[in-house]
Amino acid sequence: MTVSDLDRLHSQLSKLEDMFPGYLTEIVEGSIVMNPVKPFHGKTIQRLWSDLEGQLPSGWAVVSDVAFVFDDDNEFCPDLAVIPAEAEDENRSAYPADLIEFVVEVVSPSSVRRDYEVKPRWYASCGIANYLVVDPLKGHCVTMWNPGPDGYRGRDVIPYGKDLTVDSPLGGLTLGTARLPVDPQGRHRS
């Protein structure tokens, strides 16, 4: 699939988002998936973006909700992705997945399986060194590293409350978790 094909496909998906405001659209395992976006989700993304942006080495940028195509059946829009700044400067609606250096997904009630099971396999198989799952439903973060063909071989669960440092190829990235919102309706989930 060429870059112009990627832009055209995502342009079509963007029309769905326009028809259903407040929803994020992705292609996951060949199905079009629409997720409602809630305030805690957006607040979590904003706070993490703020933490990340000032720590990145020159030449890197943070993007959010931009499409990354893995294959014909999987086009993800990560909540946060770190890519080369020159790619960000192109201001596209879709990019090849191999540009991602670090990726963050914020869990919502409808994305639990995708964020914990489906996306780690794809992110790892693409060689993305670090994947961070931020879960306002459980009040914790899951760091994944050491990618392999079937997923990540390293994994830690860190409760919200302290700073979390991810040792990435970009250097140590420290994210504050004490200020991240916890969904009061999600605490009962295990």
Protein backbone atom coordinates (compact mmCIF):
# COMPACT_ATOMS: atom_id res chain seq x y z
CA MET A 1 0.00 0.00 0.00
CA THR A 2 1.44 3.37 -0.96
CA VAL A 3 1.37 6.53 1.13
CA SER A 4 -1.29 8.09 -1.11
CA ASP A 5 -3.40 4.91 -0.69
CA LEU A 6 -2.96 5.28 3.08
CA ASP A 7 -4.09 8.89 3.01
CA ARG A 8 -7.08 8.01 0.83
CA LEU A 9 -8.16 5.14 3.11
CA HIS A 10 -7.83 7.24 6.24
CA SER A 11 -9.64 10.08 4.55
CA GLN A 12 -12.59 7.73 4.07
CA LEU A 13 -12.45 6.67 7.73
CA SER A 14 -12.24 10.30 8.82
CA LYS A 15 -15.62 10.87 7.19
CA LEU A 16 -17.06 8.35 9.66
CA GLU A 17 -15.59 10.34 12.54
CA ASP A 18 -17.18 13.48 11.08
CA MET A 19 -20.55 11.73 10.99
CA PHE A 20 -20.16 10.52 14.59
CA PRO A 21 -18.51 13.29 16.64
CA GLY A 22 -16.86 12.09 19.82
CA TYR A 23 -15.75 8.78 18.32
CA LEU A 24 -12.29 7.62 17.21
CA THR A 25 -12.21 5.29 14.18
CA GLU A 26 -9.63 2.54 13.57
CA ILE A 27 -9.35 -0.66 11.56
CA VAL A 28 -8.56 -3.57 13.88
CA GLU A 29 -8.35 -7.14 12.63
CA GLY A 30 -10.22 -6.18 9.46
CA SER A 31 -13.15 -4.50 11.22
CA ILE A 32 -13.91 -0.80 11.45
CA VAL A 33 -14.02 0.03 15.15
CA MET A 34 -15.44 3.24 16.60
CA ASN A 35 -14.65 4.16 20.21
CA PRO A 36 -16.41 6.90 22.16
CA VAL A 37 -13.95 9.36 23.66
CA LYS A 38 -14.59 10.54 27.24
CA PRO A 39 -13.12 13.49 29.15
CA PHE A 40 -10.81 11.32 31.33
CA HIS A 41 -9.39 9.80 28.17
CA GLY A 42 -8.56 13.22 26.71
CA LYS A 43 -7.22 14.56 30.02
CA THR A 44 -4.89 11.55 30.33
CA ILE A 45 -3.59 12.09 26.80
CA GLN A 46 -3.01 15.81 27.41
CA ARG A 47 -1.05 15.22 30.60
CA LEU A 48 1.12 12.50 29.10
CA TRP A 49 1.74 14.57 25.96
CA SER A 50 2.87 17.46 28.12
CA ASP A 51 5.25 15.18 30.03
CA LEU A 52 6.67 13.59 26.88
CA GLU A 53 7.09 16.58 24.60
CA GLY A 54 9.73 18.39 26.65
CA GLN A 55 11.85 15.25 27.12
CA LEU A 56 12.23 14.12 23.54
CA PRO A 57 15.58 14.52 21.85
CA SER A 58 15.81 16.89 18.91
CA GLY A 59 14.33 15.39 15.77
CA TRP A 60 11.40 13.62 17.46
CA ALA A 61 7.74 14.64 17.84
CA VAL A 62 4.57 13.47 19.57
CA VAL A 63 1.42 12.87 17.51
CA SER A 64 -2.04 11.79 18.61
CA ASP A 65 -4.91 10.01 16.90
CA VAL A 66 -3.11 9.85 13.55
CA ALA A 67 -3.46 6.64 11.53
CA PHE A 68 -0.60 4.16 11.28
CA VAL A 69 -1.12 1.34 8.80
CA PHE A 70 0.25 -2.09 9.74
CA ASP A 71 -1.43 -4.06 6.95
CA ASP A 72 -4.72 -4.09 5.04
CA ASP A 73 -6.61 -5.27 8.14
CA ASN A 74 -4.97 -3.14 10.84
CA GLU A 75 -4.80 0.65 10.90
CA PHE A 76 -4.37 1.98 14.44
CA CYS A 77 -4.69 5.53 15.70
CA PRO A 78 -2.56 5.46 18.86
CA ASP A 79 -3.44 7.89 21.60
CA LEU A 80 0.20 9.03 21.54
CA ALA A 81 3.04 8.04 19.24
CA VAL A 82 6.57 9.37 18.98
CA ILE A 83 7.77 9.65 15.39
CA PRO A 84 10.55 11.51 13.56
CA ALA A 85 9.84 15.26 13.52
CA GLU A 86 10.40 15.44 9.77
CA ALA A 87 7.56 12.92 9.28
CA GLU A 88 5.30 14.97 11.53
CA ASP A 89 6.16 18.06 9.45
CA GLU A 90 4.56 16.34 6.44
CA ASN A 91 1.22 16.71 8.30
CA ARG A 92 -0.39 13.57 6.89
CA SER A 93 -3.50 11.78 8.11
CA ALA A 94 -1.78 8.38 7.79
CA TYR A 95 1.78 7.13 8.18
CA PRO A 96 3.62 3.82 7.86
CA ALA A 97 3.77 1.99 11.21
CA ASP A 98 7.53 1.58 11.08
CA LEU A 99 7.97 5.28 11.92
CA ILE A 100 6.77 4.78 15.52
CA GLU A 101 9.51 4.75 18.16
CA PHE A 102 7.34 4.82 21.31
CA VAL A 103 3.59 4.31 21.63
CA VAL A 104 0.95 4.93 24.30
CA GLU A 105 -2.64 3.72 24.43
CA VAL A 106 -5.15 4.95 27.03
CA VAL A 107 -7.69 2.25 27.88
CA SER A 108 -11.40 2.90 27.57
CA PRO A 109 -14.17 0.43 28.47
CA SER A 110 -14.54 -0.63 24.84
CA SER A 111 -10.80 -0.90 24.08
CA VAL A 112 -9.58 -3.24 26.85
CA ARG A 113 -9.01 -6.31 24.63
CA ARG A 114 -7.48 -4.30 21.79
CA ASP A 115 -5.11 -2.35 24.04
CA TYR A 116 -3.96 -5.33 26.12
CA GLU A 117 -4.03 -8.18 23.58
CA VAL A 118 -4.28 -7.14 19.93
CA LYS A 119 -2.13 -4.01 19.71
CA PRO A 120 0.85 -5.36 21.69
CA ARG A 121 1.30 -8.12 19.11
CA TRP A 122 1.27 -5.64 16.23
CA TYR A 123 3.42 -3.02 17.93
CA ALA A 124 6.00 -5.63 18.95
CA SER A 125 6.05 -7.33 15.54
CA CYS A 126 6.80 -3.93 14.01
CA GLY A 127 9.79 -3.56 16.36
CA ILE A 128 8.41 -0.69 18.46
CA ALA A 129 10.74 -0.84 21.46
CA ASN A 130 8.32 0.42 24.11
CA TYR A 131 4.55 0.23 24.47
CA LEU A 132 2.79 1.88 27.39
CA VAL A 133 -0.81 1.06 28.32
CA VAL A 134 -2.31 3.71 30.60
CA ASP A 135 -5.46 2.41 32.28
CA PRO A 136 -7.76 4.93 34.00
CA LEU A 137 -10.20 2.07 34.67
CA LYS A 138 -7.71 0.29 36.94
CA GLY A 139 -5.53 3.24 37.95
CA HIS A 140 -2.30 1.76 36.66
CA CYS A 141 0.16 1.70 33.75
CA VAL A 142 1.54 -1.35 32.02
CA THR A 143 4.94 -0.94 30.43
CA MET A 144 5.93 -3.40 27.73
CA TRP A 145 9.37 -3.74 26.19
CA ASN A 146 11.67 -6.23 24.43
CA PRO A 147 9.54 -6.77 21.31
CA GLY A 148 9.41 -10.13 19.58
CA PRO A 149 7.38 -11.62 16.74
CA ASP A 150 4.55 -12.71 19.11
CA GLY A 151 4.50 -9.73 21.45
CA TYR A 152 6.53 -8.11 24.19
CA ARG A 153 8.71 -10.29 26.42
CA GLY A 154 8.98 -7.71 29.23
CA ARG A 155 6.05 -6.31 31.15
CA ASP A 156 5.54 -4.39 34.42
CA VAL A 157 2.39 -3.07 36.08
CA ILE A 158 2.83 0.23 37.94
CA PRO A 159 0.02 1.73 40.04
CA TYR A 160 -0.74 5.42 39.55
CA GLY A 161 0.89 7.68 42.10
CA LYS A 162 4.60 7.88 41.33
CA ASP A 163 6.67 8.97 38.39
CA LEU A 164 7.19 6.24 35.82
CA THR A 165 10.44 6.19 33.85
CA VAL A 166 10.54 4.24 30.60
CA ASP A 167 14.03 3.33 29.38
CA SER A 168 13.56 3.81 25.66
CA PRO A 169 15.93 4.11 22.69
CA LEU A 170 15.19 7.86 22.96
CA GLY A 171 16.54 7.90 26.53
CA GLY A 172 14.70 7.78 29.83
CA LEU A 173 11.19 9.18 29.48
CA THR A 174 9.59 10.12 32.81
CA LEU A 175 5.82 10.35 33.06
CA GLY A 176 3.95 11.59 36.10
CA THR A 177 1.11 9.26 37.06
CA ALA A 178 -0.11 10.99 40.23
CA ARG A 179 -2.07 13.56 38.19
CA LEU A 180 -3.71 11.01 35.89
CA PRO A 181 -7.48 10.68 36.36
CA VAL A 182 -9.01 7.41 37.51
CA ASP A 183 -12.46 6.55 36.20
CA PRO A 184 -14.69 6.16 39.27
CA GLN A 185 -16.82 3.64 37.37
CA GLY A 186 -13.76 1.55 36.46
CA ARG A 187 -12.19 0.81 39.85
CA HIS A 188 -14.18 -2.43 40.22
CA ARG A 189 -12.65 -3.92 37.06
CA SER A 190 -9.83 -6.40 37.46
